[in-house]
Amino acid sequence: MNDPVNDLVVQWAGVVVPVVVTTVSALLGWVLWSMRKTYVTHEQCESCRTTMNNRLSGLEGVLENAPSSKDMQAVVVKLSDISGELKAANARAEGQAELLRALSRQVAMLNDYHVTKGK
C-alpha cells in the first residue's frame, strides 16, 4: 500500500507548500505596495479638493462680475448707434468740406479781382 508517488508527494509537500505560500504572500505584498503608490491617500485628496474649491470659488467670483449676454447685446446696440452717428458726422464733414472749397474759390476770385483792380 505504499505507493511511491504518494510518498514522494508527502515528502515534497513539506517543502513546496511553504515555498508557494511565501511566494504568494510576497506577490500579494508587492501588489498592495504598488496599489499604495498608485492610489491617492485621503490627505492628498483633501488637499487637491481644497485647491480646486479655491480655484472654483475664484472663477465663480470672476463670472459674477462678467457681463451677461444681455449686457453684451446692449453694448453691441450702442456700438451700432455710435457707428451710425459717426457715419452721419463724416457725411456732414464731407459736405462742409465741399462748401469750404466752393467758398475758398469765391474768396480767391474776389481776392484776385481786387488785387488786380488796384494796380
PDB file of N, CA and C in Angstrom:
ATOM      1  N   MET A   1       0.789  -1.180   0.000  1.00  0.00           N
ATOM      2  CA  MET A   1       0.000   0.000   0.000  1.00  0.00           C
ATOM      3  C   MET A   1       0.843   1.261   0.000  1.00  0.00           C
ATOM      4  N   ASN A   2       2.068   1.031   0.072  1.00  0.00           N
ATOM      5  CA  ASN A   2       2.941   2.197  -0.035  1.00  0.00           C
ATOM      6  C   ASN A   2       3.170   2.490  -1.504  1.00  0.00           C
ATOM      7  N   ASP A   3       2.547   3.523  -1.893  1.00  0.00           N
ATOM      8  CA  ASP A   3       2.680   3.955  -3.276  1.00  0.00           C
ATOM      9  C   ASP A   3       3.856   4.928  -3.334  1.00  0.00           C
ATOM     10  N   PRO A   4       4.819   4.723  -4.232  1.00  0.00           N
ATOM     11  CA  PRO A   4       5.990   5.595  -4.271  1.00  0.00           C
ATOM     12  C   PRO A   4       5.638   7.039  -4.659  1.00  0.00           C
ATOM     13  N   VAL A   5       4.572   7.231  -5.446  1.00  0.00           N
ATOM     14  CA  VAL A   5       4.184   8.587  -5.842  1.00  0.00           C
ATOM     15  C   VAL A   5       3.626   9.325  -4.641  1.00  0.00           C
ATOM     16  N   ASN A   6       2.788   8.645  -3.854  1.00  0.00           N
ATOM     17  CA  ASN A   6       2.234   9.272  -2.657  1.00  0.00           C
ATOM     18  C   ASN A   6       3.336   9.619  -1.667  1.00  0.00           C
ATOM     19  N   ASP A   7       4.300   8.744  -1.516  1.00  0.00           N
ATOM     20  CA  ASP A   7       5.407   9.022  -0.611  1.00  0.00           C
ATOM     21  C   ASP A   7       6.194  10.248  -1.084  1.00  0.00           C
ATOM     22  N   LEU A   8       6.387  10.352  -2.368  1.00  0.00           N
ATOM     23  CA  LEU A   8       7.126  11.488  -2.921  1.00  0.00           C
ATOM     24  C   LEU A   8       6.341  12.792  -2.711  1.00  0.00           C
ATOM     25  N   VAL A   9       5.022  12.749  -2.932  1.00  0.00           N
ATOM     26  CA  VAL A   9       4.177  13.944  -2.752  1.00  0.00           C
ATOM     27  C   VAL A   9       4.202  14.366  -1.298  1.00  0.00           C
ATOM     28  N   VAL A  10       4.069  13.436  -0.396  1.00  0.00           N
ATOM     29  CA  VAL A  10       4.079  13.768   1.028  1.00  0.00           C
ATOM     30  C   VAL A  10       5.441  14.316   1.421  1.00  0.00           C
ATOM     31  N   GLN A  11       6.476  13.771   0.885  1.00  0.00           N
ATOM     32  CA  GLN A  11       7.831  14.203   1.223  1.00  0.00           C
ATOM     33  C   GLN A  11       8.078  15.630   0.724  1.00  0.00           C
ATOM     34  N   TRP A  12       7.642  15.944  -0.490  1.00  0.00           N
ATOM     35  CA  TRP A  12       7.870  17.288  -1.053  1.00  0.00           C
ATOM     36  C   TRP A  12       6.817  18.307  -0.605  1.00  0.00           C
ATOM     37  N   ALA A  13       5.708  17.864  -0.096  1.00  0.00           N
ATOM     38  CA  ALA A  13       4.657  18.785   0.344  1.00  0.00           C
ATOM     39  C   ALA A  13       5.166  19.686   1.461  1.00  0.00           C
ATOM     40  N   GLY A  14       6.017  19.165   2.320  1.00  0.00           N
ATOM     41  CA  GLY A  14       6.570  19.960   3.408  1.00  0.00           C
ATOM     42  C   GLY A  14       7.478  21.071   2.900  1.00  0.00           C
ATOM     43  N   VAL A  15       8.002  20.942   1.690  1.00  0.00           N
ATOM     44  CA  VAL A  15       8.894  21.956   1.130  1.00  0.00           C
ATOM     45  C   VAL A  15       8.120  22.865   0.162  1.00  0.00           C
ATOM     46  N   VAL A  16       7.298  22.281  -0.677  1.00  0.00           N
ATOM     47  CA  VAL A  16       6.617  23.029  -1.732  1.00  0.00           C
ATOM     48  C   VAL A  16       5.556  23.969  -1.149  1.00  0.00           C
ATOM     49  N   VAL A  17       4.770  23.510  -0.205  1.00  0.00           N
ATOM     50  CA  VAL A  17       3.689  24.324   0.348  1.00  0.00           C
ATOM     51  C   VAL A  17       4.247  25.603   0.989  1.00  0.00           C
ATOM     52  N   PRO A  18       5.263  25.560   1.841  1.00  0.00           N
ATOM     53  CA  PRO A  18       5.792  26.811   2.401  1.00  0.00           C
ATOM     54  C   PRO A  18       6.373  27.738   1.318  1.00  0.00           C
ATOM     55  N   VAL A  19       7.010  27.165   0.292  1.00  0.00           N
ATOM     56  CA  VAL A  19       7.569  27.996  -0.776  1.00  0.00           C
ATOM     57  C   VAL A  19       6.435  28.682  -1.545  1.00  0.00           C
ATOM     58  N   VAL A  20       5.373  27.968  -1.851  1.00  0.00           N
ATOM     59  CA  VAL A  20       4.237  28.538  -2.573  1.00  0.00           C
ATOM     60  C   VAL A  20       3.559  29.613  -1.720  1.00  0.00           C
ATOM     61  N   VAL A  21       3.364  29.332  -0.441  1.00  0.00           N
ATOM     62  CA  VAL A  21       2.726  30.301   0.456  1.00  0.00           C
ATOM     63  C   VAL A  21       3.591  31.549   0.565  1.00  0.00           C
ATOM     64  N   THR A  22       4.898  31.400   0.700  1.00  0.00           N
ATOM     65  CA  THR A  22       5.803  32.549   0.786  1.00  0.00           C
ATOM     66  C   THR A  22       5.781  33.360  -0.506  1.00  0.00           C
ATOM     67  N   THR A  23       5.783  32.672  -1.639  1.00  0.00           N
ATOM     68  CA  THR A  23       5.755  33.364  -2.932  1.00  0.00           C
ATOM     69  C   THR A  23       4.449  34.130  -3.112  1.00  0.00           C
ATOM     70  N   VAL A  24       3.328  33.504  -2.792  1.00  0.00           N
ATOM     71  CA  VAL A  24       2.028  34.162  -2.921  1.00  0.00           C
ATOM     72  C   VAL A  24       1.947  35.350  -1.965  1.00  0.00           C
ATOM     73  N   SER A  25       2.448  35.208  -0.749  1.00  0.00           N
ATOM     74  CA  SER A  25       2.446  36.310   0.213  1.00  0.00           C
ATOM     75  C   SER A  25       3.308  37.465  -0.286  1.00  0.00           C
ATOM     76  N   ALA A  26       4.465  37.129  -0.856  1.00  0.00           N
ATOM     77  CA  ALA A  26       5.338  38.172  -1.387  1.00  0.00           C
ATOM     78  C   ALA A  26       4.656  38.898  -2.550  1.00  0.00           C
ATOM     79  N   LEU A  27       4.037  38.143  -3.447  1.00  0.00           N
ATOM     80  CA  LEU A  27       3.321  38.772  -4.564  1.00  0.00           C
ATOM     81  C   LEU A  27       2.169  39.639  -4.072  1.00  0.00           C
ATOM     82  N   LEU A  28       1.419  39.170  -3.092  1.00  0.00           N
ATOM     83  CA  LEU A  28       0.326  39.949  -2.532  1.00  0.00           C
ATOM     84  C   LEU A  28       0.854  41.218  -1.871  1.00  0.00           C
ATOM     85  N   GLY A  29       1.954  41.112  -1.160  1.00  0.00           N
ATOM     86  CA  GLY A  29       2.570  42.290  -0.552  1.00  0.00           C
ATOM     87  C   GLY A  29       3.028  43.288  -1.598  1.00  0.00           C
ATOM     88  N   TRP A  30       3.626  42.808  -2.665  1.00  0.00           N
ATOM     89  CA  TRP A  30       4.070  43.692  -3.739  1.00  0.00           C
ATOM     90  C   TRP A  30       2.885  44.389  -4.401  1.00  0.00           C
ATOM     91  N   VAL A  31       1.781  43.638  -4.621  1.00  0.00           N
ATOM     92  CA  VAL A  31       0.580  44.226  -5.223  1.00  0.00           C
ATOM     93  C   VAL A  31       0.024  45.314  -4.314  1.00  0.00           C
ATOM     94  N   LEU A  32      -0.064  45.051  -3.025  1.00  0.00           N
ATOM     95  CA  LEU A  32      -0.568  46.061  -2.089  1.00  0.00           C
ATOM     96  C   LEU A  32       0.355  47.274  -2.049  1.00  0.00           C
ATOM     97  N   TRP A  33       1.652  47.055  -2.066  1.00  0.00           N
ATOM     98  CA  TRP A  33       2.604  48.175  -2.068  1.00  0.00           C
ATOM     99  C   TRP A  33       2.440  49.007  -3.343  1.00  0.00           C
ATOM    100  N   SER A  34       2.262  48.324  -4.477  1.00  0.00           N
ATOM    101  CA  SER A  34       2.074  49.030  -5.744  1.00  0.00           C
ATOM    102  C   SER A  34       0.770  49.827  -5.736  1.00  0.00           C
ATOM    103  N   MET A  35      -0.273  49.291  -5.187  1.00  0.00           N
ATOM    104  CA  MET A  35      -1.544  49.993  -5.118  1.00  0.00           C
ATOM    105  C   MET A  35      -1.426  51.223  -4.214  1.00  0.00           C
ATOM    106  N   ARG A  36      -0.648  51.120  -3.161  1.00  0.00           N
ATOM    107  CA  ARG A  36      -0.461  52.257  -2.270  1.00  0.00           C
ATOM    108  C   ARG A  36       0.208  53.401  -3.027  1.00  0.00           C
ATOM    109  N   LYS A  37       1.125  53.076  -3.906  1.00  0.00           N
ATOM    110  CA  LYS A  37       1.809  54.096  -4.690  1.00  0.00           C
ATOM    111  C   LYS A  37       0.918  54.616  -5.823  1.00  0.00           C
ATOM    112  N   THR A  38      -0.034  53.822  -6.280  1.00  0.00           N
ATOM    113  CA  THR A  38      -0.874  54.202  -7.403  1.00  0.00           C
ATOM    114  C   THR A  38      -2.067  55.048  -6.958  1.00  0.00           C
ATOM    115  N   TYR A  39      -2.705  54.669  -5.879  1.00  0.00           N
ATOM    116  CA  TYR A  39      -3.914  55.354  -5.437  1.00  0.00           C
ATOM    117  C   TYR A  39      -3.575  56.551  -4.559  1.00  0.00           C
ATOM    118  N   VAL A  40      -4.493  57.495  -4.506  1.00  0.00           N
ATOM    119  CA  VAL A  40      -4.303  58.734  -3.766  1.00  0.00           C
ATOM    120  C   VAL A  40      -4.733  58.513  -2.319  1.00  0.00           C
ATOM    121  N   THR A  41      -3.955  59.096  -1.401  1.00  0.00           N
ATOM    122  CA  THR A  41      -4.335  58.999   0.007  1.00  0.00           C
ATOM    123  C   THR A  41      -5.429  60.014   0.300  1.00  0.00           C
ATOM    124  N   HIS A  42      -6.079  59.860   1.448  1.00  0.00           N
ATOM    125  CA  HIS A  42      -7.141  60.792   1.833  1.00  0.00           C
ATOM    126  C   HIS A  42      -6.596  62.203   2.019  1.00  0.00           C
ATOM    127  N   GLU A  43      -5.393  62.330   2.552  1.00  0.00           N
ATOM    128  CA  GLU A  43      -4.802  63.650   2.765  1.00  0.00           C
ATOM    129  C   GLU A  43      -4.532  64.340   1.430  1.00  0.00           C
ATOM    130  N   GLN A  44      -3.987  63.580   0.492  1.00  0.00           N
ATOM    131  CA  GLN A  44      -3.724  64.146  -0.834  1.00  0.00           C
ATOM    132  C   GLN A  44      -5.023  64.541  -1.525  1.00  0.00           C
ATOM    133  N   CYS A  45      -6.038  63.721  -1.376  1.00  0.00           N
ATOM    134  CA  CYS A  45      -7.331  64.003  -1.989  1.00  0.00           C
ATOM    135  C   CYS A  45      -7.944  65.259  -1.368  1.00  0.00           C
ATOM    136  N   GLU A  46      -7.866  65.390  -0.059  1.00  0.00           N
ATOM    137  CA  GLU A  46      -8.416  66.569   0.619  1.00  0.00           C
ATOM    138  C   GLU A  46      -7.658  67.826   0.213  1.00  0.00           C
ATOM    139  N   SER A  47      -6.336  67.726   0.091  1.00  0.00           N
ATOM    140  CA  SER A  47      -5.529  68.862  -0.328  1.00  0.00           C
ATOM    141  C   SER A  47      -5.908  69.288  -1.743  1.00  0.00           C
ATOM    142  N   CYS A  48      -6.054  68.334  -2.627  1.00  0.00           N
ATOM    143  CA  CYS A  48      -6.431  68.625  -4.011  1.00  0.00           C
ATOM    144  C   CYS A  48      -7.839  69.221  -4.065  1.00  0.00           C
ATOM    145  N   ARG A  49      -8.746  68.667  -3.273  1.00  0.00           N
ATOM    146  CA  ARG A  49     -10.117  69.170  -3.241  1.00  0.00           C
ATOM    147  C   ARG A  49     -10.154  70.620  -2.750  1.00  0.00           C
ATOM    148  N   THR A  50      -9.365  70.936  -1.727  1.00  0.00           N
ATOM    149  CA  THR A  50      -9.306  72.306  -1.207  1.00  0.00           C
ATOM    150  C   THR A  50      -8.781  73.256  -2.277  1.00  0.00           C
ATOM    151  N   THR A  51      -7.722  72.847  -2.954  1.00  0.00           N
ATOM    152  CA  THR A  51      -7.156  73.679  -4.023  1.00  0.00           C
ATOM    153  C   THR A  51      -8.176  73.910  -5.131  1.00  0.00           C
ATOM    154  N   MET A  52      -8.851  72.871  -5.543  1.00  0.00           N
ATOM    155  CA  MET A  52      -9.839  73.000  -6.620  1.00  0.00           C
ATOM    156  C   MET A  52     -11.024  73.863  -6.181  1.00  0.00           C
ATOM    157  N   ASN A  53     -11.449  73.727  -4.919  1.00  0.00           N
ATOM    158  CA  ASN A  53     -12.544  74.560  -4.425  1.00  0.00           C
ATOM    159  C   ASN A  53     -12.141  76.027  -4.415  1.00  0.00           C
ATOM    160  N   ASN A  54     -10.900  76.320  -4.031  1.00  0.00           N
ATOM    161  CA  ASN A  54     -10.422  77.702  -4.046  1.00  0.00           C
ATOM    162  C   ASN A  54     -10.404  78.257  -5.461  1.00  0.00           C
ATOM    163  N   ARG A  55      -9.906  77.464  -6.389  1.00  0.00           N
ATOM    164  CA  ARG A  55      -9.866  77.910  -7.783  1.00  0.00           C
ATOM    165  C   ARG A  55     -11.272  78.118  -8.330  1.00  0.00           C
ATOM    166  N   LEU A  56     -12.178  77.196  -8.007  1.00  0.00           N
ATOM    167  CA  LEU A  56     -13.551  77.300  -8.477  1.00  0.00           C
ATOM    168  C   LEU A  56     -14.235  78.526  -7.879  1.00  0.00           C
ATOM    169  N   SER A  57     -13.985  78.810  -6.608  1.00  0.00           N
ATOM    170  CA  SER A  57     -14.567  79.997  -5.982  1.00  0.00           C
ATOM    171  C   SER A  57     -14.063  81.260  -6.668  1.00  0.00           C
ATOM    172  N   GLY A  58     -12.788  81.287  -6.999  1.00  0.00           N
ATOM    173  CA  GLY A  58     -12.240  82.437  -7.711  1.00  0.00           C
ATOM    174  C   GLY A  58     -12.885  82.619  -9.073  1.00  0.00           C
ATOM    175  N   LEU A  59     -13.065  81.529  -9.792  1.00  0.00           N
ATOM    176  CA  LEU A  59     -13.710  81.612 -11.105  1.00  0.00           C
ATOM    177  C   LEU A  59     -15.168  82.049 -10.990  1.00  0.00           C
ATOM    178  N   GLU A  60     -15.858  81.553  -9.969  1.00  0.00           N
ATOM    179  CA  GLU A  60     -17.242  81.963  -9.782  1.00  0.00           C
ATOM    180  C   GLU A  60     -17.324  83.450  -9.482  1.00  0.00           C
ATOM    181  N   GLY A  61     -16.376  83.954  -8.689  1.00  0.00           N
ATOM    182  CA  GLY A  61     -16.346  85.383  -8.386  1.00  0.00           C
ATOM    183  C   GLY A  61     -16.123  86.211  -9.633  1.00  0.00           C
ATOM    184  N   VAL A  62     -15.236  85.748 -10.493  1.00  0.00           N
ATOM    185  CA  VAL A  62     -14.975  86.468 -11.740  1.00  0.00           C
ATOM    186  C   VAL A  62     -16.208  86.426 -12.641  1.00  0.00           C
ATOM    187  N   LEU A  63     -16.858  85.274 -12.703  1.00  0.00           N
ATOM    188  CA  LEU A  63     -18.026  85.137 -13.566  1.00  0.00           C
ATOM    189  C   LEU A  63     -19.206  85.962 -13.068  1.00  0.00           C
ATOM    190  N   GLU A  64     -19.291  86.194 -11.751  1.00  0.00           N
ATOM    191  CA  GLU A  64     -20.371  87.033 -11.239  1.00  0.00           C
ATOM    192  C   GLU A  64     -20.228  88.462 -11.743  1.00  0.00           C
ATOM    193  N   ASN A  65     -18.995  88.914 -11.909  1.00  0.00           N
ATOM    194  CA  ASN A  65     -18.744  90.280 -12.356  1.00  0.00           C
ATOM    195  C   ASN A  65     -18.665  90.401 -13.875  1.00  0.00           C
ATOM    196  N   ALA A  66     -18.662  89.297 -14.562  1.00  0.00           N
ATOM    197  CA  ALA A  66     -18.569  89.322 -16.026  1.00  0.00           C
ATOM    198  C   ALA A  66     -19.905  89.786 -16.609  1.00  0.00           C
ATOM    199  N   PRO A  67     -19.868  90.472 -17.738  1.00  0.00           N
ATOM    200  CA  PRO A  67     -21.119  90.926 -18.346  1.00  0.00           C
ATOM    201  C   PRO A  67     -21.945  89.743 -18.860  1.00  0.00           C
ATOM    202  N   SER A  68     -23.249  89.905 -18.739  1.00  0.00           N
ATOM    203  CA  SER A  68     -24.142  88.852 -19.224  1.00  0.00           C
ATOM    204  C   SER A  68     -24.369  89.031 -20.724  1.00  0.00           C
ATOM    205  N   SER A  69     -25.102  88.119 -21.305  1.00  0.00           N
ATOM    206  CA  SER A  69     -25.380  88.221 -22.744  1.00  0.00           C
ATOM    207  C   SER A  69     -26.257  89.439 -23.035  1.00  0.00           C
ATOM    208  N   LYS A  70     -27.145  89.798 -22.101  1.00  0.00           N
ATOM    209  CA  LYS A  70     -27.966  90.997 -22.293  1.00  0.00           C
ATOM    210  C   LYS A  70     -27.092  92.245 -22.267  1.00  0.00           C
ATOM    211  N   ASP A  71     -26.125  92.278 -21.353  1.00  0.00           N
ATOM    212  CA  ASP A  71     -25.204  93.413 -21.295  1.00  0.00           C
ATOM    213  C   ASP A  71     -24.409  93.533 -22.591  1.00  0.00           C
ATOM    214  N   MET A  72     -23.923  92.408 -23.093  1.00  0.00           N
ATOM    215  CA  MET A  72     -23.151  92.429 -24.333  1.00  0.00           C
ATOM    216  C   MET A  72     -24.027  92.846 -25.512  1.00  0.00           C
ATOM    217  N   GLN A  73     -25.285  92.419 -25.523  1.00  0.00           N
ATOM    218  CA  GLN A  73     -26.199  92.829 -26.579  1.00  0.00           C
ATOM    219  C   GLN A  73     -26.415  94.338 -26.526  1.00  0.00           C
ATOM    220  N   ALA A  74     -26.537  94.890 -25.307  1.00  0.00           N
ATOM    221  CA  ALA A  74     -26.699  96.337 -25.168  1.00  0.00           C
ATOM    222  C   ALA A  74     -25.457  97.068 -25.687  1.00  0.00           C
ATOM    223  N   VAL A  75     -24.276  96.516 -25.423  1.00  0.00           N
ATOM    224  CA  VAL A  75     -23.038  97.126 -25.919  1.00  0.00           C
ATOM    225  C   VAL A  75     -23.008  97.102 -27.446  1.00  0.00           C
ATOM    226  N   VAL A  76     -23.422  96.002 -28.031  1.00  0.00           N
ATOM    227  CA  VAL A  76     -23.442  95.890 -29.492  1.00  0.00           C
ATOM    228  C   VAL A  76     -24.414  96.914 -30.086  1.00  0.00           C
ATOM    229  N   VAL A  77     -25.578  97.080 -29.464  1.00  0.00           N
ATOM    230  CA  VAL A  77     -26.562  98.054 -29.953  1.00  0.00           C
ATOM    231  C   VAL A  77     -25.990  99.461 -29.847  1.00  0.00           C
ATOM    232  N   LYS A  78     -25.355  99.777 -28.717  1.00  0.00           N
ATOM    233  CA  LYS A  78     -24.761 101.114 -28.540  1.00  0.00           C
ATOM    234  C   LYS A  78     -23.665 101.353 -29.586  1.00  0.00           C
ATOM    235  N   LEU A  79     -22.834 100.341 -29.832  1.00  0.00           N
ATOM    236  CA  LEU A  79     -21.783 100.485 -30.843  1.00  0.00           C
ATOM    237  C   LEU A  79     -22.382 100.703 -32.230  1.00  0.00           C
ATOM    238  N   SER A  80     -23.472 100.039 -32.517  1.00  0.00           N
ATOM    239  CA  SER A  80     -24.139 100.241 -33.813  1.00  0.00           C
ATOM    240  C   SER A  80     -24.654 101.667 -33.909  1.00  0.00           C
ATOM    241  N   ASP A  81     -25.244 102.172 -32.815  1.00  0.00           N
ATOM    242  CA  ASP A  81     -25.731 103.559 -32.816  1.00  0.00           C
ATOM    243  C   ASP A  81     -24.577 104.538 -33.016  1.00  0.00           C
ATOM    244  N   ILE A  82     -23.487 104.306 -32.315  1.00  0.00           N
ATOM    245  CA  ILE A  82     -22.324 105.198 -32.433  1.00  0.00           C
ATOM    246  C   ILE A  82     -21.757 105.143 -33.845  1.00  0.00           C
ATOM    247  N   SER A  83     -21.727 103.945 -34.428  1.00  0.00           N
ATOM    248  CA  SER A  83     -21.231 103.800 -35.796  1.00  0.00           C
ATOM    249  C   SER A  83     -22.092 104.604 -36.759  1.00  0.00           C
ATOM    250  N   GLY A  84     -23.406 104.534 -36.591  1.00  0.00           N
ATOM    251  CA  GLY A  84     -24.300 105.303 -37.443  1.00  0.00           C
ATOM    252  C   GLY A  84     -24.104 106.801 -37.260  1.00  0.00           C
ATOM    253  N   GLU A  85     -23.936 107.234 -36.007  1.00  0.00           N
ATOM    254  CA  GLU A  85     -23.712 108.655 -35.741  1.00  0.00           C
ATOM    255  C   GLU A  85     -22.394 109.125 -36.353  1.00  0.00           C
ATOM    256  N   LEU A  86     -21.361 108.280 -36.283  1.00  0.00           N
ATOM    257  CA  LEU A  86     -20.075 108.638 -36.883  1.00  0.00           C
ATOM    258  C   LEU A  86     -20.171 108.747 -38.397  1.00  0.00           C
ATOM    259  N   LYS A  87     -20.918 107.857 -39.010  1.00  0.00           N
ATOM    260  CA  LYS A  87     -21.091 107.929 -40.465  1.00  0.00           C
ATOM    261  C   LYS A  87     -21.824 109.209 -40.848  1.00  0.00           C
ATOM    262  N   ALA A  88     -22.853 109.561 -40.047  1.00  0.00           N
ATOM    263  CA  ALA A  88     -23.591 110.801 -40.335  1.00  0.00           C
ATOM    264  C   ALA A  88     -22.685 112.011 -40.136  1.00  0.00           C
ATOM    265  N   ALA A  89     -21.882 112.024 -39.070  1.00  0.00           N
ATOM    266  CA  ALA A  89     -20.963 113.145 -38.828  1.00  0.00           C
ATOM    267  C   ALA A  89     -19.929 113.236 -39.945  1.00  0.00           C
ATOM    268  N   ASN A  90     -19.455 112.115 -40.432  1.00  0.00           N
ATOM    269  CA  ASN A  90     -18.494 112.087 -41.530  1.00  0.00           C
ATOM    270  C   ASN A  90     -19.117 112.654 -42.801  1.00  0.00           C
ATOM    271  N   ALA A  91     -20.374 112.300 -43.062  1.00  0.00           N
ATOM    272  CA  ALA A  91     -21.061 112.825 -44.253  1.00  0.00           C
ATOM    273  C   ALA A  91     -21.231 114.339 -44.131  1.00  0.00           C
ATOM    274  N   ARG A  92     -21.586 114.813 -42.915  1.00  0.00           N
ATOM    275  CA  ARG A  92     -21.719 116.266 -42.728  1.00  0.00           C
ATOM    276  C   ARG A  92     -20.379 116.957 -42.919  1.00  0.00           C
ATOM    277  N   ALA A  93     -19.310 116.367 -42.419  1.00  0.00           N
ATOM    278  CA  ALA A  93     -17.981 116.966 -42.563  1.00  0.00           C
ATOM    279  C   ALA A  93     -17.574 117.019 -44.028  1.00  0.00           C
ATOM    280  N   GLU A  94     -17.861 115.978 -44.781  1.00  0.00           N
ATOM    281  CA  GLU A  94     -17.547 115.983 -46.209  1.00  0.00           C
ATOM    282  C   GLU A  94     -18.355 117.059 -46.932  1.00  0.00           C
ATOM    283  N   GLY A  95     -19.636 117.233 -46.550  1.00  0.00           N
ATOM    284  CA  GLY A  95     -20.459 118.275 -47.147  1.00  0.00           C
ATOM    285  C   GLY A  95     -19.926 119.655 -46.824  1.00  0.00           C
ATOM    286  N   GLN A  96     -19.495 119.841 -45.583  1.00  0.00           N
ATOM    287  CA  GLN A  96     -18.928 121.135 -45.197  1.00  0.00           C
ATOM    288  C   GLN A  96     -17.601 121.377 -45.906  1.00  0.00           C
ATOM    289  N   ALA A  97     -16.823 120.328 -46.112  1.00  0.00           N
ATOM    290  CA  ALA A  97     -15.565 120.486 -46.843  1.00  0.00           C
ATOM    291  C   ALA A  97     -15.832 120.938 -48.272  1.00  0.00           C
ATOM    292  N   GLU A  98     -16.876 120.398 -48.870  1.00  0.00           N
ATOM    293  CA  GLU A  98     -17.240 120.813 -50.233  1.00  0.00           C
ATOM    294  C   GLU A  98     -17.660 122.276 -50.252  1.00  0.00           C
ATOM    295  N   LEU A  99     -18.438 122.685 -49.239  1.00  0.00           N
ATOM    296  CA  LEU A  99     -18.843 124.097 -49.151  1.00  0.00           C
ATOM    297  C   LEU A  99     -17.635 124.998 -48.932  1.00  0.00           C
ATOM    298  N   LEU A 100     -16.681 124.544 -48.117  1.00  0.00           N
ATOM    299  CA  LEU A 100     -15.478 125.336 -47.877  1.00  0.00           C
ATOM    300  C   LEU A 100     -14.645 125.479 -49.150  1.00  0.00           C
ATOM    301  N   ARG A 101     -14.597 124.453 -49.966  1.00  0.00           N
ATOM    302  CA  ARG A 101     -13.865 124.543 -51.227  1.00  0.00           C
ATOM    303  C   ARG A 101     -14.520 125.563 -52.159  1.00  0.00           C
ATOM    304  N   ALA A 102     -15.843 125.522 -52.210  1.00  0.00           N
ATOM    305  CA  ALA A 102     -16.559 126.480 -53.063  1.00  0.00           C
ATOM    306  C   ALA A 102     -16.346 127.907 -52.548  1.00  0.00           C
ATOM    307  N   LEU A 103     -16.425 128.075 -51.234  1.00  0.00           N
ATOM    308  CA  LEU A 103     -16.223 129.393 -50.641  1.00  0.00           C
ATOM    309  C   LEU A 103     -14.785 129.860 -50.851  1.00  0.00           C
ATOM    310  N   SER A 104     -13.848 128.930 -50.765  1.00  0.00           N
ATOM    311  CA  SER A 104     -12.441 129.254 -50.975  1.00  0.00           C
ATOM    312  C   SER A 104     -12.214 129.731 -52.403  1.00  0.00           C
ATOM    313  N   ARG A 105     -12.859 129.094 -53.364  1.00  0.00           N
ATOM    314  CA  ARG A 105     -12.731 129.529 -54.763  1.00  0.00           C
ATOM    315  C   ARG A 105     -13.300 130.935 -54.944  1.00  0.00           C
ATOM    316  N   GLN A 106     -14.431 131.184 -54.294  1.00  0.00           N
ATOM    317  CA  GLN A 106     -15.032 132.518 -54.414  1.00  0.00           C
ATOM    318  C   GLN A 106     -14.144 133.582 -53.770  1.00  0.00           C
ATOM    319  N   VAL A 107     -13.569 133.264 -52.605  1.00  0.00           N
ATOM    320  CA  VAL A 107     -12.679 134.222 -51.945  1.00  0.00           C
ATOM    321  C   VAL A 107     -11.441 134.445 -52.795  1.00  0.00           C
ATOM    322  N   ALA A 108     -10.918 133.419 -53.382  1.00  0.00           N
ATOM    323  CA  ALA A 108      -9.740 133.557 -54.241  1.00  0.00           C
ATOM    324  C   ALA A 108     -10.067 134.419 -55.451  1.00  0.00           C
ATOM    325  N   MET A 109     -11.249 134.223 -56.034  1.00  0.00           N
ATOM    326  CA  MET A 109     -11.631 135.037 -57.186  1.00  0.00           C
ATOM    327  C   MET A 109     -11.800 136.504 -56.780  1.00  0.00           C
ATOM    328  N   LEU A 110     -12.434 136.754 -55.635  1.00  0.00           N
ATOM    329  CA  LEU A 110     -12.593 138.136 -55.168  1.00  0.00           C
ATOM    330  C   LEU A 110     -11.235 138.760 -54.860  1.00  0.00           C
ATOM    331  N   ASN A 111     -10.375 137.976 -54.268  1.00  0.00           N
ATOM    332  CA  ASN A 111      -9.037 138.458 -53.925  1.00  0.00           C
ATOM    333  C   ASN A 111      -8.274 138.827 -55.200  1.00  0.00           C
ATOM    334  N   ASP A 112      -8.341 137.937 -56.189  1.00  0.00           N
ATOM    335  CA  ASP A 112      -7.668 138.209 -57.470  1.00  0.00           C
ATOM    336  C   ASP A 112      -8.233 139.474 -58.132  1.00  0.00           C
ATOM    337  N   TYR A 113      -9.538 139.622 -58.090  1.00  0.00           N
ATOM    338  CA  TYR A 113     -10.166 140.780 -58.731  1.00  0.00           C
ATOM    339  C   TYR A 113      -9.745 142.084 -58.052  1.00  0.00           C
ATOM    340  N   HIS A 114      -9.765 142.086 -56.728  1.00  0.00           N
ATOM    341  CA  HIS A 114      -9.432 143.302 -56.004  1.00  0.00           C
ATOM    342  C   HIS A 114      -7.943 143.607 -56.071  1.00  0.00           C
ATOM    343  N   VAL A 115      -7.106 142.590 -56.101  1.00  0.00           N
ATOM    344  CA  VAL A 115      -5.666 142.823 -56.176  1.00  0.00           C
ATOM    345  C   VAL A 115      -5.319 143.343 -57.560  1.00  0.00           C
ATOM    346  N   THR A 116      -5.877 142.758 -58.597  1.00  0.00           N
ATOM    347  CA  THR A 116      -5.563 143.196 -59.948  1.00  0.00           C
ATOM    348  C   THR A 116      -6.225 144.518 -60.294  1.00  0.00           C
ATOM    349  N   LYS A 117      -7.355 144.842 -59.698  1.00  0.00           N
ATOM    350  CA  LYS A 117      -8.049 146.087 -59.950  1.00  0.00           C
ATOM    351  C   LYS A 117      -7.300 147.274 -59.350  1.00  0.00           C
ATOM    352  N   GLY A 118      -6.663 146.991 -58.234  1.00  0.00           N
ATOM    353  CA  GLY A 118      -5.918 148.057 -57.563  1.00  0.00           C
ATOM    354  C   GLY A 118      -4.653 148.422 -58.295  1.00  0.00           C
ATOM    355  N   LYS A 119      -4.194 147.709 -59.249  1.00  0.00           N
ATOM    356  CA  LYS A 119      -2.946 148.002 -59.937  1.00  0.00           C
ATOM    357  C   LYS A 119      -3.145 148.904 -61.079  1.00  0.00           C
TER     358      LYS A 119
END
